C-alpha atoms as a PDB file:
ATOM      1  CA  MET A   1       0.000   0.000   0.000  1.00  0.00           C
ATOM      2  CA  SER A   2       1.291   3.433  -0.922  1.00  0.00           C
ATOM      3  CA  GLU A   3       0.766   6.618   1.011  1.00  0.00           C
ATOM      4  CA  GLU A   4      -2.760   7.918   1.392  1.00  0.00           C
ATOM      5  CA  GLU A   5      -3.996  11.488   1.449  1.00  0.00           C
ATOM      6  CA  PRO A   6      -3.958  13.089   4.938  1.00  0.00           C
ATOM      7  CA  PRO A   7      -7.258  12.894   6.865  1.00  0.00           C
ATOM      8  CA  ALA A   8      -9.392  15.994   7.236  1.00  0.00           C
ATOM      9  CA  VAL A   9      -8.878  17.611  10.628  1.00  0.00           C
ATOM     10  CA  PRO A  10      -9.498  21.012  12.157  1.00  0.00           C
ATOM     11  CA  GLU A  11      -6.572  23.205  11.191  1.00  0.00           C
ATOM     12  CA  LYS A  12      -4.718  26.126  12.640  1.00  0.00           C
ATOM     13  CA  ARG A  13      -2.902  28.190  10.022  1.00  0.00           C
ATOM     14  CA  ARG A  14       0.210  30.280  10.417  1.00  0.00           C
ATOM     15  CA  TRP A  15       1.960  32.149   7.648  1.00  0.00           C
ATOM     16  CA  LYS A  16       5.717  31.705   7.526  1.00  0.00           C
ATOM     17  CA  LYS A  17       8.057  33.431   5.116  1.00  0.00           C
ATOM     18  CA  PRO A  18      10.712  31.102   3.649  1.00  0.00           C
ATOM     19  CA  LYS A  19      14.306  32.206   4.113  1.00  0.00           C
ATOM     20  CA  ASP A  20      15.045  32.482   0.396  1.00  0.00           C
ATOM     21  CA  ALA A  21      11.762  34.097  -0.616  1.00  0.00           C
ATOM     22  CA  GLY A  22      11.273  37.627  -1.870  1.00  0.00           C
ATOM     23  CA  ALA A  23       9.291  40.226  -0.032  1.00  0.00           C
ATOM     24  CA  GLU A  24       5.993  39.189  -1.639  1.00  0.00           C
ATOM     25  CA  THR A  25       6.362  35.407  -1.196  1.00  0.00           C
ATOM     26  CA  ARG A  26       4.734  33.545   1.673  1.00  0.00           C
ATOM     27  CA  THR A  27       4.175  29.877   2.438  1.00  0.00           C
ATOM     28  CA  MET A  28       1.518  28.545   4.738  1.00  0.00           C
ATOM     29  CA  THR A  29       2.433  26.300   7.658  1.00  0.00           C
ATOM     30  CA  VAL A  30      -0.465  24.257   8.993  1.00  0.00           C
ATOM     31  CA  THR A  31      -0.712  22.589  12.384  1.00  0.00           C
ATOM     32  CA  ALA A  32      -3.313  20.007  13.420  1.00  0.00           C
ATOM     33  CA  LYS A  33      -5.606  21.256  16.166  1.00  0.00           C
ATOM     34  CA  GLY A  34      -8.056  19.039  17.982  1.00  0.00           C
ATOM     35  CA  VAL A  35      -6.061  15.806  17.559  1.00  0.00           C
ATOM     36  CA  LYS A  36      -5.122  14.503  20.993  1.00  0.00           C
ATOM     37  CA  LYS A  37      -2.245  12.144  20.215  1.00  0.00           C
ATOM     38  CA  ARG A  38       1.009  14.030  19.664  1.00  0.00           C
ATOM     39  CA  SER A  39       2.396  11.591  17.083  1.00  0.00           C
ATOM     40  CA  SER A  40      -0.842  11.873  15.088  1.00  0.00           C
ATOM     41  CA  ARG A  41      -0.705  15.673  15.219  1.00  0.00           C
ATOM     42  CA  GLU A  42       2.880  15.654  13.990  1.00  0.00           C
ATOM     43  CA  TRP A  43       2.094  13.196  11.172  1.00  0.00           C
ATOM     44  CA  ILE A  44      -0.904  15.233  10.001  1.00  0.00           C
ATOM     45  CA  ALA A  45       1.015  18.518  10.111  1.00  0.00           C
ATOM     46  CA  ARG A  46       3.935  16.964   8.233  1.00  0.00           C
ATOM     47  CA  GLN A  47       1.623  15.590   5.554  1.00  0.00           C
ATOM     48  CA  ILE A  48      -0.265  18.839   5.086  1.00  0.00           C
ATOM     49  CA  ASN A  49       2.903  20.928   4.904  1.00  0.00           C
ATOM     50  CA  ASP A  50       4.825  18.475   2.720  1.00  0.00           C
ATOM     51  CA  PRO A  51       5.543  20.177  -0.646  1.00  0.00           C
ATOM     52  CA  TYR A  52       5.132  16.846  -2.461  1.00  0.00           C
ATOM     53  CA  VAL A  53       1.666  16.415  -0.941  1.00  0.00           C
ATOM     54  CA  GLN A  54       0.796  19.932  -2.052  1.00  0.00           C
ATOM     55  CA  ARG A  55       2.136  19.263  -5.573  1.00  0.00           C
ATOM     56  CA  ALA A  56       0.241  15.982  -5.801  1.00  0.00           C
ATOM     57  CA  GLN A  57      -3.002  17.727  -4.898  1.00  0.00           C
ATOM     58  CA  ALA A  58      -2.350  20.615  -7.284  1.00  0.00           C
ATOM     59  CA  GLU A  59      -1.363  18.373 -10.217  1.00  0.00           C
ATOM     60  CA  GLY A  60      -4.026  15.709  -9.717  1.00  0.00           C
ATOM     61  CA  TRP A  61      -1.876  12.789  -8.579  1.00  0.00           C
ATOM     62  CA  ARG A  62      -3.522  10.349  -6.204  1.00  0.00           C
ATOM     63  CA  ALA A  63      -0.577  10.320  -3.775  1.00  0.00           C
ATOM     64  CA  ARG A  64       2.792  11.980  -3.206  1.00  0.00           C
ATOM     65  CA  SER A  65       4.389   8.602  -3.915  1.00  0.00           C
ATOM     66  CA  ALA A  66       3.766   9.259  -7.625  1.00  0.00           C
ATOM     67  CA  PHE A  67       6.827  11.515  -7.570  1.00  0.00           C
ATOM     68  CA  LYS A  68       9.006   8.657  -6.296  1.00  0.00           C
ATOM     69  CA  LEU A  69       8.212   6.575  -9.351  1.00  0.00           C
ATOM     70  CA  MET A  70       8.678   9.551 -11.676  1.00  0.00           C
ATOM     71  CA  GLU A  71      12.111  10.177 -10.189  1.00  0.00           C
ATOM     72  CA  LEU A  72      13.060   6.495 -10.423  1.00  0.00           C
ATOM     73  CA  ASP A  73      11.850   6.379 -14.027  1.00  0.00           C
ATOM     74  CA  ASP A  74      13.781   9.538 -14.921  1.00  0.00           C
ATOM     75  CA  ARG A  75      16.941   7.938 -13.571  1.00  0.00           C
ATOM     76  CA  PHE A  76      16.556   4.355 -14.790  1.00  0.00           C
ATOM     77  CA  GLY A  77      14.224   4.554 -17.815  1.00  0.00           C
ATOM     78  CA  LEU A  78      11.816   1.934 -16.467  1.00  0.00           C
ATOM     79  CA  ILE A  79       8.564   2.780 -18.259  1.00  0.00           C
ATOM     80  CA  LYS A  80       8.967   2.227 -21.967  1.00  0.00           C
ATOM     81  CA  ARG A  81       6.070   2.822 -24.350  1.00  0.00           C
ATOM     82  CA  GLY A  82       3.711  -0.126 -24.533  1.00  0.00           C
ATOM     83  CA  VAL A  83       5.087  -2.047 -21.532  1.00  0.00           C
ATOM     84  CA  ARG A  84       2.814  -4.222 -19.421  1.00  0.00           C
ATOM     85  CA  VAL A  85       3.060  -3.156 -15.785  1.00  0.00           C
ATOM     86  CA  CYS A  86       2.113  -5.097 -12.653  1.00  0.00           C
ATOM     87  CA  ASP A  87       1.686  -2.780  -9.643  1.00  0.00           C
ATOM     88  CA  LEU A  88       1.825  -4.519  -6.249  1.00  0.00           C
ATOM     89  CA  GLY A  89       0.445  -2.576  -3.294  1.00  0.00           C
ATOM     90  CA  ALA A  90      -1.183  -0.206  -5.750  1.00  0.00           C
ATOM     91  CA  ALA A  91      -3.547   1.832  -3.539  1.00  0.00           C
ATOM     92  CA  PRO A  92      -4.477   4.587  -3.981  1.00  0.00           C
ATOM     93  CA  GLY A  93      -3.170   4.387  -7.562  1.00  0.00           C
ATOM     94  CA  GLY A  94      -0.416   6.979  -7.831  1.00  0.00           C
ATOM     95  CA  TRP A  95       2.105   4.639  -9.450  1.00  0.00           C
ATOM     96  CA  ALA A  96      -0.494   3.346 -11.905  1.00  0.00           C
ATOM     97  CA  GLN A  97      -1.209   6.963 -12.876  1.00  0.00           C
ATOM     98  CA  VAL A  98       2.453   7.574 -13.613  1.00  0.00           C
ATOM     99  CA  ALA A  99       2.809   4.365 -15.625  1.00  0.00           C
ATOM    100  CA  ILE A 100      -0.212   5.203 -17.787  1.00  0.00           C
ATOM    101  CA  LYS A 101       0.818   8.808 -18.329  1.00  0.00           C
ATOM    102  CA  ARG A 102       4.319   7.716 -19.369  1.00  0.00           C
ATOM    103  CA  GLY A 103       3.088   5.313 -22.027  1.00  0.00           C
ATOM    104  CA  ALA A 104       2.469   1.907 -20.447  1.00  0.00           C
ATOM    105  CA  GLY A 105       0.351  -0.311 -22.656  1.00  0.00           C
ATOM    106  CA  ALA A 106      -1.475  -2.020 -19.784  1.00  0.00           C
ATOM    107  CA  VAL A 107      -1.436  -1.709 -15.999  1.00  0.00           C
ATOM    108  CA  VAL A 108      -2.848  -4.146 -13.451  1.00  0.00           C
ATOM    109  CA  GLY A 109      -2.673  -3.265  -9.764  1.00  0.00           C
ATOM    110  CA  ILE A 110      -3.458  -5.236  -6.630  1.00  0.00           C
ATOM    111  CA  ASP A 111      -4.135  -4.095  -3.076  1.00  0.00           C
ATOM    112  CA  LEU A 112      -6.204  -4.958  -0.028  1.00  0.00           C
ATOM    113  CA  LEU A 113      -7.754  -1.487  -0.139  1.00  0.00           C
ATOM    114  CA  ASP A 114     -10.467  -0.174  -2.413  1.00  0.00           C
ATOM    115  CA  MET A 115      -9.227   1.879  -5.362  1.00  0.00           C
ATOM    116  CA  ASP A 116     -11.192   4.225  -7.601  1.00  0.00           C
ATOM    117  CA  THR A 117     -11.354   3.118 -11.216  1.00  0.00           C
ATOM    118  CA  MET A 118      -8.793   4.530 -13.649  1.00  0.00           C
ATOM    119  CA  ALA A 119      -8.804   4.553 -17.441  1.00  0.00           C
ATOM    120  CA  GLY A 120      -6.076   2.229 -18.720  1.00  0.00           C
ATOM    121  CA  ALA A 121      -5.722   0.296 -15.461  1.00  0.00           C
ATOM    122  CA  THR A 122      -7.327  -2.759 -13.900  1.00  0.00           C
ATOM    123  CA  PHE A 123      -7.356  -2.991 -10.103  1.00  0.00           C
ATOM    124  CA  LEU A 124      -7.791  -6.202  -8.118  1.00  0.00           C
ATOM    125  CA  LYS A 125      -8.893  -5.962  -4.499  1.00  0.00           C
ATOM    126  CA  MET A 126      -7.144  -8.884  -2.840  1.00  0.00           C
ATOM    127  CA  ASP A 127      -4.145  -9.795  -0.722  1.00  0.00           C
ATOM    128  CA  PHE A 128      -1.020 -10.226  -2.830  1.00  0.00           C
ATOM    129  CA  LEU A 129       0.076 -12.941  -0.385  1.00  0.00           C
ATOM    130  CA  ASP A 130      -3.079 -14.927  -1.169  1.00  0.00           C
ATOM    131  CA  GLU A 131      -2.008 -18.035  -3.089  1.00  0.00           C
ATOM    132  CA  ALA A 132      -4.572 -17.172  -5.774  1.00  0.00           C
ATOM    133  CA  ALA A 133      -3.129 -13.692  -6.398  1.00  0.00           C
ATOM    134  CA  PRO A 134      -0.372 -14.571  -8.923  1.00  0.00           C
ATOM    135  CA  ALA A 135      -2.809 -16.437 -11.169  1.00  0.00           C
ATOM    136  CA  ALA A 136      -5.327 -13.576 -10.942  1.00  0.00           C
ATOM    137  CA  LEU A 137      -2.674 -11.052 -11.944  1.00  0.00           C
ATOM    138  CA  MET A 138      -1.484 -13.177 -14.845  1.00  0.00           C
ATOM    139  CA  ALA A 139      -5.055 -13.709 -16.048  1.00  0.00           C
ATOM    140  CA  ALA A 140      -5.651  -9.952 -16.061  1.00  0.00           C
ATOM    141  CA  LEU A 141      -2.331  -8.898 -17.597  1.00  0.00           C
ATOM    142  CA  GLY A 142      -0.344 -11.771 -19.057  1.00  0.00           C
ATOM    143  CA  ARG A 143       3.417 -11.716 -18.535  1.00  0.00           C
ATOM    144  CA  PRO A 144       4.510  -8.253 -17.359  1.00  0.00           C
ATOM    145  CA  ASP A 145       7.529  -6.354 -18.619  1.00  0.00           C
ATOM    146  CA  LEU A 146       7.780  -4.368 -15.392  1.00  0.00           C
ATOM    147  CA  VAL A 147       6.844  -5.389 -11.838  1.00  0.00           C
ATOM    148  CA  LEU A 148       6.563  -2.545  -9.330  1.00  0.00           C
ATOM    149  CA  SER A 149       6.131  -3.022  -5.596  1.00  0.00           C
ATOM    150  CA  ASP A 150       5.542  -0.158  -3.203  1.00  0.00           C
ATOM    151  CA  MET A 151       4.213  -2.554  -0.578  1.00  0.00           C
ATOM    152  CA  ALA A 152       5.021  -1.871   3.055  1.00  0.00           C
ATOM    153  CA  ALA A 153       3.739  -3.544   6.182  1.00  0.00           C
ATOM    154  CA  ASN A 154       1.909  -1.453   8.754  1.00  0.00           C
ATOM    155  CA  THR A 155       4.632  -0.046  10.962  1.00  0.00           C
ATOM    156  CA  THR A 156       4.900  -0.996  14.619  1.00  0.00           C
ATOM    157  CA  GLY A 157       7.426   1.650  15.638  1.00  0.00           C
ATOM    158  CA  HIS A 158       9.999  -1.070  16.295  1.00  0.00           C
ATOM    159  CA  ARG A 159      12.582  -0.619  13.548  1.00  0.00           C
ATOM    160  CA  ALA A 160      13.878  -4.205  13.411  1.00  0.00           C
ATOM    161  CA  THR A 161      10.350  -5.639  13.290  1.00  0.00           C
ATOM    162  CA  ASP A 162       9.312  -3.220  10.558  1.00  0.00           C
ATOM    163  CA  GLN A 163      12.389  -4.124   8.514  1.00  0.00           C
ATOM    164  CA  ILE A 164      11.589  -7.828   8.750  1.00  0.00           C
ATOM    165  CA  LYS A 165       7.912  -7.399   7.822  1.00  0.00           C
ATOM    166  CA  THR A 166       8.553  -5.103   4.856  1.00  0.00           C
ATOM    167  CA  GLY A 167      11.527  -7.250   3.809  1.00  0.00           C
ATOM    168  CA  ALA A 168       9.214 -10.281   3.657  1.00  0.00           C
ATOM    169  CA  LEU A 169       6.884  -8.398   1.310  1.00  0.00           C
ATOM    170  CA  ALA A 170       9.827  -7.379  -0.876  1.00  0.00           C
ATOM    171  CA  GLU A 171      10.987 -10.998  -1.027  1.00  0.00           C
ATOM    172  CA  ALA A 172       7.502 -12.189  -2.032  1.00  0.00           C
ATOM    173  CA  ALA A 173       7.380  -9.523  -4.746  1.00  0.00           C
ATOM    174  CA  ALA A 174      10.832 -10.540  -6.013  1.00  0.00           C
ATOM    175  CA  VAL A 175       9.919 -14.233  -6.202  1.00  0.00           C
ATOM    176  CA  PHE A 176       6.770 -13.337  -8.138  1.00  0.00           C
ATOM    177  CA  ALA A 177       8.701 -11.045 -10.498  1.00  0.00           C
ATOM    178  CA  MET A 178      11.282 -13.716 -11.287  1.00  0.00           C
ATOM    179  CA  ASP A 179       8.485 -16.201 -12.001  1.00  0.00           C
ATOM    180  CA  VAL A 180       6.519 -14.022 -14.424  1.00  0.00           C
ATOM    181  CA  LEU A 181       8.700 -11.303 -16.015  1.00  0.00           C
ATOM    182  CA  THR A 182       9.430 -11.303 -19.712  1.00  0.00           C
ATOM    183  CA  PRO A 183      13.127 -11.567 -20.674  1.00  0.00           C
ATOM    184  CA  GLY A 184      14.735  -8.143 -20.425  1.00  0.00           C
ATOM    185  CA  GLY A 185      12.092  -6.989 -17.947  1.00  0.00           C
ATOM    186  CA  ALA A 186      12.579  -4.934 -14.789  1.00  0.00           C
ATOM    187  CA  PHE A 187      11.608  -5.124 -11.125  1.00  0.00           C
ATOM    188  CA  VAL A 188      11.382  -2.354  -8.520  1.00  0.00           C
ATOM    189  CA  THR A 189      10.616  -2.879  -4.849  1.00  0.00           C
ATOM    190  CA  LYS A 190      10.507  -0.820  -1.691  1.00  0.00           C
ATOM    191  CA  ALA A 191      12.765  -2.029   1.105  1.00  0.00           C
ATOM    192  CA  PHE A 192      14.059  -0.679   4.389  1.00  0.00           C
ATOM    193  CA  GLN A 193      17.766  -0.002   4.701  1.00  0.00           C
ATOM    194  CA  GLY A 194      19.354  -3.199   5.941  1.00  0.00           C
ATOM    195  CA  GLY A 195      16.068  -5.073   5.619  1.00  0.00           C
ATOM    196  CA  LEU A 196      16.534  -6.969   2.346  1.00  0.00           C
ATOM    197  CA  ASP A 197      17.983 -10.441   2.776  1.00  0.00           C
ATOM    198  CA  ALA A 198      21.530 -10.834   1.437  1.00  0.00           C
ATOM    199  CA  ALA A 199      20.659 -14.134  -0.235  1.00  0.00           C
ATOM    200  CA  LEU A 200      17.753 -12.483  -2.052  1.00  0.00           C
ATOM    201  CA  LEU A 201      20.028  -9.709  -3.291  1.00  0.00           C
ATOM    202  CA  ALA A 202      22.490 -12.299  -4.535  1.00  0.00           C
ATOM    203  CA  THR A 203      19.695 -14.086  -6.401  1.00  0.00           C
ATOM    204  CA  LEU A 204      18.535 -10.843  -7.994  1.00  0.00           C
ATOM    205  CA  LYS A 205      22.093 -10.080  -9.115  1.00  0.00           C
ATOM    206  CA  ALA A 206      22.318 -13.530 -10.686  1.00  0.00           C
ATOM    207  CA  ARG A 207      18.980 -13.206 -12.497  1.00  0.00           C
ATOM    208  CA  PHE A 208      19.229  -9.579 -13.685  1.00  0.00           C
ATOM    209  CA  ASP A 209      21.917  -7.710 -15.610  1.00  0.00           C
ATOM    210  CA  ALA A 210      21.966  -4.820 -13.114  1.00  0.00           C
ATOM    211  CA  VAL A 211      20.724  -4.391  -9.534  1.00  0.00           C
ATOM    212  CA  ARG A 212      20.991  -0.991  -7.869  1.00  0.00           C
ATOM    213  CA  HIS A 213      19.734   0.804  -4.780  1.00  0.00           C
ATOM    214  CA  ALA A 214      18.153   4.247  -4.951  1.00  0.00           C
ATOM    215  CA  LYS A 215      16.525   6.742  -2.636  1.00  0.00           C
ATOM    216  CA  PRO A 216      14.528   9.162  -4.803  1.00  0.00           C
ATOM    217  CA  PRO A 217      14.356  12.797  -3.627  1.00  0.00           C
ATOM    218  CA  ALA A 218      10.627  12.427  -2.918  1.00  0.00           C
ATOM    219  CA  SER A 219      11.415   9.813  -0.272  1.00  0.00           C
ATOM    220  CA  ARG A 220      11.580  11.611   3.068  1.00  0.00           C
ATOM    221  CA  GLN A 221      15.114  11.786   4.407  1.00  0.00           C
ATOM    222  CA  ALA A 222      13.943  10.638   7.829  1.00  0.00           C
ATOM    223  CA  SER A 223      12.413   7.492   6.320  1.00  0.00           C
ATOM    224  CA  PRO A 224      14.542   4.314   6.210  1.00  0.00           C
ATOM    225  CA  GLU A 225      12.955   3.291   2.908  1.00  0.00           C
ATOM    226  CA  ILE A 226      15.030   2.698  -0.194  1.00  0.00           C
ATOM    227  CA  TYR A 227      14.193   1.110  -3.540  1.00  0.00           C
ATOM    228  CA  VAL A 228      15.887  -1.834  -5.185  1.00  0.00           C
ATOM    229  CA  VAL A 229      15.902  -1.542  -8.988  1.00  0.00           C
ATOM    230  CA  ALA A 230      16.675  -4.684 -10.993  1.00  0.00           C
ATOM    231  CA  GLN A 231      16.886  -4.410 -14.795  1.00  0.00           C
ATOM    232  CA  GLY A 232      17.609  -6.780 -17.658  1.00  0.00           C
ATOM    233  CA  PHE A 233      15.874  -9.956 -16.485  1.00  0.00           C
ATOM    234  CA  LYS A 234      17.721 -12.967 -17.866  1.00  0.00           C
ATOM    235  CA  GLY A 235      14.685 -15.239 -17.944  1.00  0.00           C
END
């Protein structure tokens, strides 16, 4: 599951002038008022004031995570015209939007959460870890040229536990990708720093021409997330 839009809450607005702005430029800082839990207040305020959240809303993207895929695609050239894309953990659909806009021929996404329909994409509401999920994805798409996974387990606040849980999702996505990708295809997955199994990385390096790590600018610096990008599947 990708990031969702921040919930609606009562807001308290303060105007703050950025250091490098001219005399007529102002930015609005918003704080959450009426939310009792401090961590929730901080999360809401961070989301509302995040420039990527603001850009996503202004430009019509479903989530700020759309910018992560755009930045990865700009760097690695992942989305070629006409490619078939499988989007794991697709909700709310930001990555599917990017894939379609950049020329994908077909996009099929899967997530436990409901997703609004989107022209050019097919969304399946089911658990990717369900044993029936791979067959359902293949039936809807055929063999993909690009497998994307922005899946992340619900965080517990315990870093080691979160690494293990998200690492398990990344491993499941990698096994699926290596089972279904067309020769020459690519695979991208979210991982936490230090959370991807060394044996899995070794397998990816043996099965793909190039395997690299990247942290796109849209990924918050405080977040431990990184992305593993594997290209040139050997079949």
